[in-house]
Amino acid sequence: EVAADERFKDKPVIVTGKIQSISKD
């Protein structure tokens, strides 16, 4: 998690994957 935050936190990403769920918080 520490390394991933360094690499990704507050940065734009494009993710592709299978939808597990669609909902509201």
mmCIF file of all heavy atoms, coordinates in Angstrom:
data_MODEL
# 
_entry.id   MODEL 
# 
loop_
_atom_site.group_PDB 
_atom_site.id 
_atom_site.type_symbol 
_atom_site.label_atom_id 
_atom_site.label_alt_id 
_atom_site.label_comp_id 
_atom_site.label_asym_id 
_atom_site.label_entity_id 
_atom_site.label_seq_id 
_atom_site.pdbx_PDB_ins_code 
_atom_site.Cartn_x 
_atom_site.Cartn_y 
_atom_site.Cartn_z 
_atom_site.occupancy 
_atom_site.B_iso_or_equiv 
_atom_site.pdbx_formal_charge 
_atom_site.auth_seq_id 
_atom_site.auth_comp_id 
_atom_site.auth_asym_id 
_atom_site.auth_atom_id 
_atom_site.pdbx_PDB_model_num 
ATOM 1   N N   . GLU A 1 1  ? 0.814   -1.214  0.000   1.00 0.00 ? 1  GLU A N   1 
ATOM 2   C CA  . GLU A 1 1  ? 0.000   0.000   0.000   1.00 0.00 ? 1  GLU A CA  1 
ATOM 3   C C   . GLU A 1 1  ? 0.852   1.270   0.000   1.00 0.00 ? 1  GLU A C   1 
ATOM 4   O O   . GLU A 1 1  ? 0.518   2.254   -0.658  1.00 0.00 ? 1  GLU A O   1 
ATOM 5   C CB  . GLU A 1 1  ? -0.942  0.001   1.207   1.00 0.00 ? 1  GLU A CB  1 
ATOM 6   C CG  . GLU A 1 1  ? -1.941  1.126   1.181   1.00 0.00 ? 1  GLU A CG  1 
ATOM 7   C CD  . GLU A 1 1  ? -2.996  1.024   2.254   1.00 0.00 ? 1  GLU A CD  1 
ATOM 8   O OE1 . GLU A 1 1  ? -3.177  -0.065  2.845   1.00 0.00 ? 1  GLU A OE1 1 
ATOM 9   O OE2 . GLU A 1 1  ? -3.661  2.041   2.508   1.00 0.00 ? 1  GLU A OE2 1 
ATOM 10  N N   . VAL A 1 2  ? 1.965   1.265   0.711   1.00 0.00 ? 2  VAL A N   1 
ATOM 11  C CA  . VAL A 1 2  ? 2.837   2.447   0.776   1.00 0.00 ? 2  VAL A CA  1 
ATOM 12  C C   . VAL A 1 2  ? 3.408   2.749   -0.612  1.00 0.00 ? 2  VAL A C   1 
ATOM 13  O O   . VAL A 1 2  ? 3.369   3.893   -1.078  1.00 0.00 ? 2  VAL A O   1 
ATOM 14  C CB  . VAL A 1 2  ? 3.961   2.251   1.815   1.00 0.00 ? 2  VAL A CB  1 
ATOM 15  C CG1 . VAL A 1 2  ? 4.959   3.406   1.769   1.00 0.00 ? 2  VAL A CG1 1 
ATOM 16  C CG2 . VAL A 1 2  ? 3.368   2.108   3.216   1.00 0.00 ? 2  VAL A CG2 1 
ATOM 17  N N   . ALA A 1 3  ? 3.932   1.732   -1.277  1.00 0.00 ? 3  ALA A N   1 
ATOM 18  C CA  . ALA A 1 3  ? 4.495   1.921   -2.618  1.00 0.00 ? 3  ALA A CA  1 
ATOM 19  C C   . ALA A 1 3  ? 3.415   2.335   -3.616  1.00 0.00 ? 3  ALA A C   1 
ATOM 20  O O   . ALA A 1 3  ? 3.646   3.194   -4.481  1.00 0.00 ? 3  ALA A O   1 
ATOM 21  C CB  . ALA A 1 3  ? 5.186   0.647   -3.082  1.00 0.00 ? 3  ALA A CB  1 
ATOM 22  N N   . ALA A 1 4  ? 2.226   1.742   -3.507  1.00 0.00 ? 4  ALA A N   1 
ATOM 23  C CA  . ALA A 1 4  ? 1.138   2.080   -4.428  1.00 0.00 ? 4  ALA A CA  1 
ATOM 24  C C   . ALA A 1 4  ? 0.687   3.524   -4.242  1.00 0.00 ? 4  ALA A C   1 
ATOM 25  O O   . ALA A 1 4  ? 0.408   4.216   -5.224  1.00 0.00 ? 4  ALA A O   1 
ATOM 26  C CB  . ALA A 1 4  ? -0.032  1.115   -4.233  1.00 0.00 ? 4  ALA A CB  1 
ATOM 27  N N   . ASP A 1 5  ? 0.628   3.996   -2.998  1.00 0.00 ? 5  ASP A N   1 
ATOM 28  C CA  . ASP A 1 5  ? 0.289   5.403   -2.764  1.00 0.00 ? 5  ASP A CA  1 
ATOM 29  C C   . ASP A 1 5  ? 1.311   6.321   -3.420  1.00 0.00 ? 5  ASP A C   1 
ATOM 30  O O   . ASP A 1 5  ? 0.952   7.335   -4.026  1.00 0.00 ? 5  ASP A O   1 
ATOM 31  C CB  . ASP A 1 5  ? 0.214   5.715   -1.263  1.00 0.00 ? 5  ASP A CB  1 
ATOM 32  C CG  . ASP A 1 5  ? -1.197  5.623   -0.708  1.00 0.00 ? 5  ASP A CG  1 
ATOM 33  O OD1 . ASP A 1 5  ? -2.158  5.494   -1.493  1.00 0.00 ? 5  ASP A OD1 1 
ATOM 34  O OD2 . ASP A 1 5  ? -1.336  5.702   0.526   1.00 0.00 ? 5  ASP A OD2 1 
ATOM 35  N N   . GLU A 1 6  ? 2.587   5.987   -3.301  1.00 0.00 ? 6  GLU A N   1 
ATOM 36  C CA  . GLU A 1 6  ? 3.635   6.792   -3.935  1.00 0.00 ? 6  GLU A CA  1 
ATOM 37  C C   . GLU A 1 6  ? 3.424   6.857   -5.446  1.00 0.00 ? 6  GLU A C   1 
ATOM 38  O O   . GLU A 1 6  ? 3.642   7.886   -6.067  1.00 0.00 ? 6  GLU A O   1 
ATOM 39  C CB  . GLU A 1 6  ? 5.021   6.211   -3.648  1.00 0.00 ? 6  GLU A CB  1 
ATOM 40  C CG  . GLU A 1 6  ? 5.508   6.451   -2.242  1.00 0.00 ? 6  GLU A CG  1 
ATOM 41  C CD  . GLU A 1 6  ? 5.866   7.907   -1.992  1.00 0.00 ? 6  GLU A CD  1 
ATOM 42  O OE1 . GLU A 1 6  ? 6.486   8.539   -2.867  1.00 0.00 ? 6  GLU A OE1 1 
ATOM 43  O OE2 . GLU A 1 6  ? 5.506   8.403   -0.910  1.00 0.00 ? 6  GLU A OE2 1 
ATOM 44  N N   . ARG A 1 7  ? 3.004   5.760   -6.016  1.00 0.00 ? 7  ARG A N   1 
ATOM 45  C CA  . ARG A 1 7  ? 2.849   5.672   -7.467  1.00 0.00 ? 7  ARG A CA  1 
ATOM 46  C C   . ARG A 1 7  ? 1.536   6.247   -7.982  1.00 0.00 ? 7  ARG A C   1 
ATOM 47  O O   . ARG A 1 7  ? 1.495   6.868   -9.048  1.00 0.00 ? 7  ARG A O   1 
ATOM 48  C CB  . ARG A 1 7  ? 2.968   4.207   -7.873  1.00 0.00 ? 7  ARG A CB  1 
ATOM 49  C CG  . ARG A 1 7  ? 2.947   3.989   -9.340  1.00 0.00 ? 7  ARG A CG  1 
ATOM 50  C CD  . ARG A 1 7  ? 3.238   2.545   -9.675  1.00 0.00 ? 7  ARG A CD  1 
ATOM 51  N NE  . ARG A 1 7  ? 3.058   2.328   -11.098 1.00 0.00 ? 7  ARG A NE  1 
ATOM 52  C CZ  . ARG A 1 7  ? 2.891   1.156   -11.643 1.00 0.00 ? 7  ARG A CZ  1 
ATOM 53  N NH1 . ARG A 1 7  ? 2.902   0.064   -10.907 1.00 0.00 ? 7  ARG A NH1 1 
ATOM 54  N NH2 . ARG A 1 7  ? 2.721   1.040   -12.937 1.00 0.00 ? 7  ARG A NH2 1 
ATOM 55  N N   . PHE A 1 8  ? 0.426   6.056   -7.230  1.00 0.00 ? 8  PHE A N   1 
ATOM 56  C CA  . PHE A 1 8  ? -0.897  6.358   -7.763  1.00 0.00 ? 8  PHE A CA  1 
ATOM 57  C C   . PHE A 1 8  ? -1.689  7.454   -7.056  1.00 0.00 ? 8  PHE A C   1 
ATOM 58  O O   . PHE A 1 8  ? -2.555  8.070   -7.681  1.00 0.00 ? 8  PHE A O   1 
ATOM 59  C CB  . PHE A 1 8  ? -1.770  5.093   -7.759  1.00 0.00 ? 8  PHE A CB  1 
ATOM 60  C CG  . PHE A 1 8  ? -1.263  4.003   -8.639  1.00 0.00 ? 8  PHE A CG  1 
ATOM 61  C CD1 . PHE A 1 8  ? -0.736  2.841   -8.092  1.00 0.00 ? 8  PHE A CD1 1 
ATOM 62  C CD2 . PHE A 1 8  ? -1.300  4.118   -10.017 1.00 0.00 ? 8  PHE A CD2 1 
ATOM 63  C CE1 . PHE A 1 8  ? -0.267  1.814   -8.893  1.00 0.00 ? 8  PHE A CE1 1 
ATOM 64  C CE2 . PHE A 1 8  ? -0.837  3.109   -10.836 1.00 0.00 ? 8  PHE A CE2 1 
ATOM 65  C CZ  . PHE A 1 8  ? -0.315  1.946   -10.276 1.00 0.00 ? 8  PHE A CZ  1 
ATOM 66  N N   . LYS A 1 9  ? -1.463  7.683   -5.769  1.00 0.00 ? 9  LYS A N   1 
ATOM 67  C CA  . LYS A 1 9  ? -2.326  8.599   -5.006  1.00 0.00 ? 9  LYS A CA  1 
ATOM 68  C C   . LYS A 1 9  ? -2.348  10.001  -5.611  1.00 0.00 ? 9  LYS A C   1 
ATOM 69  O O   . LYS A 1 9  ? -1.321  10.566  -5.936  1.00 0.00 ? 9  LYS A O   1 
ATOM 70  C CB  . LYS A 1 9  ? -1.881  8.675   -3.543  1.00 0.00 ? 9  LYS A CB  1 
ATOM 71  C CG  . LYS A 1 9  ? -2.863  9.449   -2.692  1.00 0.00 ? 9  LYS A CG  1 
ATOM 72  C CD  . LYS A 1 9  ? -2.550  9.349   -1.237  1.00 0.00 ? 9  LYS A CD  1 
ATOM 73  C CE  . LYS A 1 9  ? -3.613  10.118  -0.475  1.00 0.00 ? 9  LYS A CE  1 
ATOM 74  N NZ  . LYS A 1 9  ? -3.491  9.960   0.932   1.00 0.00 ? 9  LYS A NZ  1 
ATOM 75  N N   . ASP A 1 10 ? -3.564  10.527  -5.774  1.00 0.00 ? 10 ASP A N   1 
ATOM 76  C CA  . ASP A 1 10 ? -3.830  11.857  -6.329  1.00 0.00 ? 10 ASP A CA  1 
ATOM 77  C C   . ASP A 1 10 ? -3.403  11.996  -7.789  1.00 0.00 ? 10 ASP A C   1 
ATOM 78  O O   . ASP A 1 10 ? -3.211  13.109  -8.278  1.00 0.00 ? 10 ASP A O   1 
ATOM 79  C CB  . ASP A 1 10 ? -3.183  12.957  -5.477  1.00 0.00 ? 10 ASP A CB  1 
ATOM 80  C CG  . ASP A 1 10 ? -3.763  13.013  -4.077  1.00 0.00 ? 10 ASP A CG  1 
ATOM 81  O OD1 . ASP A 1 10 ? -4.984  12.795  -3.932  1.00 0.00 ? 10 ASP A OD1 1 
ATOM 82  O OD2 . ASP A 1 10 ? -3.004  13.253  -3.124  1.00 0.00 ? 10 ASP A OD2 1 
ATOM 83  N N   . LYS A 1 11 ? -3.278  10.877  -8.489  1.00 0.00 ? 11 LYS A N   1 
ATOM 84  C CA  . LYS A 1 11 ? -2.897  10.901  -9.899  1.00 0.00 ? 11 LYS A CA  1 
ATOM 85  C C   . LYS A 1 11 ? -4.037  10.337  -10.743 1.00 0.00 ? 11 LYS A C   1 
ATOM 86  O O   . LYS A 1 11 ? -4.778  9.464   -10.299 1.00 0.00 ? 11 LYS A O   1 
ATOM 87  C CB  . LYS A 1 11 ? -1.622  10.097  -10.118 1.00 0.00 ? 11 LYS A CB  1 
ATOM 88  C CG  . LYS A 1 11 ? -0.444  10.732  -9.418  1.00 0.00 ? 11 LYS A CG  1 
ATOM 89  C CD  . LYS A 1 11 ? 0.817   9.984   -9.647  1.00 0.00 ? 11 LYS A CD  1 
ATOM 90  C CE  . LYS A 1 11 ? 1.931   10.701  -8.880  1.00 0.00 ? 11 LYS A CE  1 
ATOM 91  N NZ  . LYS A 1 11 ? 2.987   9.823   -8.510  1.00 0.00 ? 11 LYS A NZ  1 
ATOM 92  N N   . PRO A 1 12 ? -4.154  10.830  -11.978 1.00 0.00 ? 12 PRO A N   1 
ATOM 93  C CA  . PRO A 1 12 ? -5.205  10.302  -12.863 1.00 0.00 ? 12 PRO A CA  1 
ATOM 94  C C   . PRO A 1 12 ? -4.878  8.891   -13.329 1.00 0.00 ? 12 PRO A C   1 
ATOM 95  O O   . PRO A 1 12 ? -3.707  8.556   -13.554 1.00 0.00 ? 12 PRO A O   1 
ATOM 96  C CB  . PRO A 1 12 ? -5.210  11.286  -14.033 1.00 0.00 ? 12 PRO A CB  1 
ATOM 97  C CG  . PRO A 1 12 ? -3.866  11.921  -14.021 1.00 0.00 ? 12 PRO A CG  1 
ATOM 98  C CD  . PRO A 1 12 ? -3.387  11.902  -12.598 1.00 0.00 ? 12 PRO A CD  1 
ATOM 99  N N   . VAL A 1 13 ? -5.917  8.080   -13.442 1.00 0.00 ? 13 VAL A N   1 
ATOM 100 C CA  . VAL A 1 13 ? -5.777  6.707   -13.927 1.00 0.00 ? 13 VAL A CA  1 
ATOM 101 C C   . VAL A 1 13 ? -6.935  6.383   -14.860 1.00 0.00 ? 13 VAL A C   1 
ATOM 102 O O   . VAL A 1 13 ? -7.978  7.027   -14.830 1.00 0.00 ? 13 VAL A O   1 
ATOM 103 C CB  . VAL A 1 13 ? -5.749  5.667   -12.778 1.00 0.00 ? 13 VAL A CB  1 
ATOM 104 C CG1 . VAL A 1 13 ? -4.518  5.835   -11.912 1.00 0.00 ? 13 VAL A CG1 1 
ATOM 105 C CG2 . VAL A 1 13 ? -7.016  5.723   -11.948 1.00 0.00 ? 13 VAL A CG2 1 
ATOM 106 N N   . ILE A 1 14 ? -6.724  5.379   -15.673 1.00 0.00 ? 14 ILE A N   1 
ATOM 107 C CA  . ILE A 1 14 ? -7.797  4.781   -16.465 1.00 0.00 ? 14 ILE A CA  1 
ATOM 108 C C   . ILE A 1 14 ? -7.792  3.306   -16.106 1.00 0.00 ? 14 ILE A C   1 
ATOM 109 O O   . ILE A 1 14 ? -6.747  2.650   -16.199 1.00 0.00 ? 14 ILE A O   1 
ATOM 110 C CB  . ILE A 1 14 ? -7.577  4.972   -17.975 1.00 0.00 ? 14 ILE A CB  1 
ATOM 111 C CG1 . ILE A 1 14 ? -7.597  6.461   -18.318 1.00 0.00 ? 14 ILE A CG1 1 
ATOM 112 C CG2 . ILE A 1 14 ? -8.653  4.226   -18.762 1.00 0.00 ? 14 ILE A CG2 1 
ATOM 113 C CD1 . ILE A 1 14 ? -7.265  6.765   -19.761 1.00 0.00 ? 14 ILE A CD1 1 
ATOM 114 N N   . VAL A 1 15 ? -8.927  2.816   -15.621 1.00 0.00 ? 15 VAL A N   1 
ATOM 115 C CA  . VAL A 1 15 ? -9.029  1.421   -15.206 1.00 0.00 ? 15 VAL A CA  1 
ATOM 116 C C   . VAL A 1 15 ? -10.086 0.716   -16.056 1.00 0.00 ? 15 VAL A C   1 
ATOM 117 O O   . VAL A 1 15 ? -11.101 1.300   -16.409 1.00 0.00 ? 15 VAL A O   1 
ATOM 118 C CB  . VAL A 1 15 ? -9.359  1.269   -13.703 1.00 0.00 ? 15 VAL A CB  1 
ATOM 119 C CG1 . VAL A 1 15 ? -8.206  1.750   -12.854 1.00 0.00 ? 15 VAL A CG1 1 
ATOM 120 C CG2 . VAL A 1 15 ? -10.613 2.015   -13.331 1.00 0.00 ? 15 VAL A CG2 1 
ATOM 121 N N   . THR A 1 16 ? -9.812  -0.524  -16.369 1.00 0.00 ? 16 THR A N   1 
ATOM 122 C CA  . THR A 1 16 ? -10.747 -1.360  -17.121 1.00 0.00 ? 16 THR A CA  1 
ATOM 123 C C   . THR A 1 16 ? -10.936 -2.652  -16.339 1.00 0.00 ? 16 THR A C   1 
ATOM 124 O O   . THR A 1 16 ? -9.963  -3.226  -15.852 1.00 0.00 ? 16 THR A O   1 
ATOM 125 C CB  . THR A 1 16 ? -10.206 -1.677  -18.521 1.00 0.00 ? 16 THR A CB  1 
ATOM 126 O OG1 . THR A 1 16 ? -10.017 -0.457  -19.231 1.00 0.00 ? 16 THR A OG1 1 
ATOM 127 C CG2 . THR A 1 16 ? -11.169 -2.568  -19.300 1.00 0.00 ? 16 THR A CG2 1 
ATOM 128 N N   . GLY A 1 17 ? -12.171 -3.072  -16.194 1.00 0.00 ? 17 GLY A N   1 
ATOM 129 C CA  . GLY A 1 17 ? -12.429 -4.318  -15.493 1.00 0.00 ? 17 GLY A CA  1 
ATOM 130 C C   . GLY A 1 17 ? -13.880 -4.722  -15.581 1.00 0.00 ? 17 GLY A C   1 
ATOM 131 O O   . GLY A 1 17 ? -14.727 -3.991  -16.098 1.00 0.00 ? 17 GLY A O   1 
ATOM 132 N N   . LYS A 1 18 ? -14.140 -5.898  -15.052 1.00 0.00 ? 18 LYS A N   1 
ATOM 133 C CA  . LYS A 1 18 ? -15.500 -6.440  -15.009 1.00 0.00 ? 18 LYS A CA  1 
ATOM 134 C C   . LYS A 1 18 ? -16.242 -5.768  -13.853 1.00 0.00 ? 18 LYS A C   1 
ATOM 135 O O   . LYS A 1 18 ? -15.710 -5.649  -12.747 1.00 0.00 ? 18 LYS A O   1 
ATOM 136 C CB  . LYS A 1 18 ? -15.449 -7.940  -14.805 1.00 0.00 ? 18 LYS A CB  1 
ATOM 137 C CG  . LYS A 1 18 ? -16.794 -8.622  -14.914 1.00 0.00 ? 18 LYS A CG  1 
ATOM 138 C CD  . LYS A 1 18 ? -16.652 -10.099 -14.684 1.00 0.00 ? 18 LYS A CD  1 
ATOM 139 C CE  . LYS A 1 18 ? -17.065 -10.805 -15.940 1.00 0.00 ? 18 LYS A CE  1 
ATOM 140 N NZ  . LYS A 1 18 ? -17.068 -12.257 -15.778 1.00 0.00 ? 18 LYS A NZ  1 
ATOM 141 N N   . ILE A 1 19 ? -17.467 -5.354  -14.116 1.00 0.00 ? 19 ILE A N   1 
ATOM 142 C CA  . ILE A 1 19 ? -18.275 -4.677  -13.098 1.00 0.00 ? 19 ILE A CA  1 
ATOM 143 C C   . ILE A 1 19 ? -18.759 -5.688  -12.074 1.00 0.00 ? 19 ILE A C   1 
ATOM 144 O O   . ILE A 1 19 ? -19.461 -6.644  -12.405 1.00 0.00 ? 19 ILE A O   1 
ATOM 145 C CB  . ILE A 1 19 ? -19.467 -3.937  -13.721 1.00 0.00 ? 19 ILE A CB  1 
ATOM 146 C CG1 . ILE A 1 19 ? -18.961 -2.831  -14.648 1.00 0.00 ? 19 ILE A CG1 1 
ATOM 147 C CG2 . ILE A 1 19 ? -20.379 -3.366  -12.634 1.00 0.00 ? 19 ILE A CG2 1 
ATOM 148 C CD1 . ILE A 1 19 ? -20.059 -2.149  -15.441 1.00 0.00 ? 19 ILE A CD1 1 
ATOM 149 N N   . GLN A 1 20 ? -18.361 -5.456  -10.818 1.00 0.00 ? 20 GLN A N   1 
ATOM 150 C CA  . GLN A 1 20 ? -18.801 -6.296  -9.707  1.00 0.00 ? 20 GLN A CA  1 
ATOM 151 C C   . GLN A 1 20 ? -20.131 -5.788  -9.148  1.00 0.00 ? 20 GLN A C   1 
ATOM 152 O O   . GLN A 1 20 ? -20.999 -6.562  -8.786  1.00 0.00 ? 20 GLN A O   1 
ATOM 153 C CB  . GLN A 1 20 ? -17.736 -6.283  -8.598  1.00 0.00 ? 20 GLN A CB  1 
ATOM 154 C CG  . GLN A 1 20 ? -18.072 -7.164  -7.429  1.00 0.00 ? 20 GLN A CG  1 
ATOM 155 C CD  . GLN A 1 20 ? -17.109 -6.944  -6.294  1.00 0.00 ? 20 GLN A CD  1 
ATOM 156 O OE1 . GLN A 1 20 ? -17.549 -6.676  -5.188  1.00 0.00 ? 20 GLN A OE1 1 
ATOM 157 N NE2 . GLN A 1 20 ? -15.823 -7.055  -6.534  1.00 0.00 ? 20 GLN A NE2 1 
ATOM 158 N N   . SER A 1 21 ? -20.265 -4.444  -9.073  1.00 0.00 ? 21 SER A N   1 
ATOM 159 C CA  . SER A 1 21 ? -21.525 -3.872  -8.586  1.00 0.00 ? 21 SER A CA  1 
ATOM 160 C C   . SER A 1 21 ? -21.665 -2.420  -9.033  1.00 0.00 ? 21 SER A C   1 
ATOM 161 O O   . SER A 1 21 ? -20.688 -1.759  -9.352  1.00 0.00 ? 21 SER A O   1 
ATOM 162 C CB  . SER A 1 21 ? -21.634 -3.972  -7.064  1.00 0.00 ? 21 SER A CB  1 
ATOM 163 O OG  . SER A 1 21 ? -20.675 -3.152  -6.446  1.00 0.00 ? 21 SER A OG  1 
ATOM 164 N N   . ILE A 1 22 ? -22.918 -1.974  -9.056  1.00 0.00 ? 22 ILE A N   1 
ATOM 165 C CA  . ILE A 1 22 ? -23.278 -0.586  -9.359  1.00 0.00 ? 22 ILE A CA  1 
ATOM 166 C C   . ILE A 1 22 ? -24.249 -0.181  -8.266  1.00 0.00 ? 22 ILE A C   1 
ATOM 167 O O   . ILE A 1 22 ? -25.280 -0.823  -8.080  1.00 0.00 ? 22 ILE A O   1 
ATOM 168 C CB  . ILE A 1 22 ? -23.963 -0.468  -10.735 1.00 0.00 ? 22 ILE A CB  1 
ATOM 169 C CG1 . ILE A 1 22 ? -23.087 -1.082  -11.833 1.00 0.00 ? 22 ILE A CG1 1 
ATOM 170 C CG2 . ILE A 1 22 ? -24.292 0.996   -11.054 1.00 0.00 ? 22 ILE A CG2 1 
ATOM 171 C CD1 . ILE A 1 22 ? -23.829 -1.322  -13.132 1.00 0.00 ? 22 ILE A CD1 1 
ATOM 172 N N   . SER A 1 23 ? -23.913 0.887   -7.530  1.00 0.00 ? 23 SER A N   1 
ATOM 173 C CA  . SER A 1 23 ? -24.752 1.247   -6.393  1.00 0.00 ? 23 SER A CA  1 
ATOM 174 C C   . SER A 1 23 ? -24.580 2.724   -6.051  1.00 0.00 ? 23 SER A C   1 
ATOM 175 O O   . SER A 1 23 ? -24.003 3.479   -6.831  1.00 0.00 ? 23 SER A O   1 
ATOM 176 C CB  . SER A 1 23 ? -24.382 0.363   -5.196  1.00 0.00 ? 23 SER A CB  1 
ATOM 177 O OG  . SER A 1 23 ? -25.357 0.466   -4.186  1.00 0.00 ? 23 SER A OG  1 
ATOM 178 N N   . LYS A 1 24 ? -25.080 3.114   -4.874  1.00 0.00 ? 24 LYS A N   1 
ATOM 179 C CA  . LYS A 1 24 ? -24.934 4.482   -4.341  1.00 0.00 ? 24 LYS A CA  1 
ATOM 180 C C   . LYS A 1 24 ? -24.401 4.381   -2.932  1.00 0.00 ? 24 LYS A C   1 
ATOM 181 O O   . LYS A 1 24 ? -24.724 3.442   -2.196  1.00 0.00 ? 24 LYS A O   1 
ATOM 182 C CB  . LYS A 1 24 ? -26.279 5.200   -4.324  1.00 0.00 ? 24 LYS A CB  1 
ATOM 183 C CG  . LYS A 1 24 ? -26.835 5.486   -5.684  1.00 0.00 ? 24 LYS A CG  1 
ATOM 184 C CD  . LYS A 1 24 ? -28.155 6.229   -5.560  1.00 0.00 ? 24 LYS A CD  1 
ATOM 185 C CE  . LYS A 1 24 ? -28.764 6.486   -6.919  1.00 0.00 ? 24 LYS A CE  1 
ATOM 186 N NZ  . LYS A 1 24 ? -30.062 7.178   -6.797  1.00 0.00 ? 24 LYS A NZ  1 
ATOM 187 N N   . ASP A 1 25 ? -23.601 5.393   -2.530  1.00 0.00 ? 25 ASP A N   1 
ATOM 188 C CA  . ASP A 1 25 ? -23.099 5.428   -1.157  1.00 0.00 ? 25 ASP A CA  1 
ATOM 189 C C   . ASP A 1 25 ? -24.157 6.030   -0.228  1.00 0.00 ? 25 ASP A C   1 
ATOM 190 O O   . ASP A 1 25 ? -25.287 6.329   -0.663  1.00 0.00 ? 25 ASP A O   1 
ATOM 191 C CB  . ASP A 1 25 ? -21.761 6.171   -1.072  1.00 0.00 ? 25 ASP A CB  1 
ATOM 192 C CG  . ASP A 1 25 ? -21.856 7.663   -1.362  1.00 0.00 ? 25 ASP A CG  1 
ATOM 193 O OD1 . ASP A 1 25 ? -22.975 8.222   -1.430  1.00 0.00 ? 25 ASP A OD1 1 
ATOM 194 O OD2 . ASP A 1 25 ? -20.783 8.283   -1.517  1.00 0.00 ? 25 ASP A OD2 1 
# 
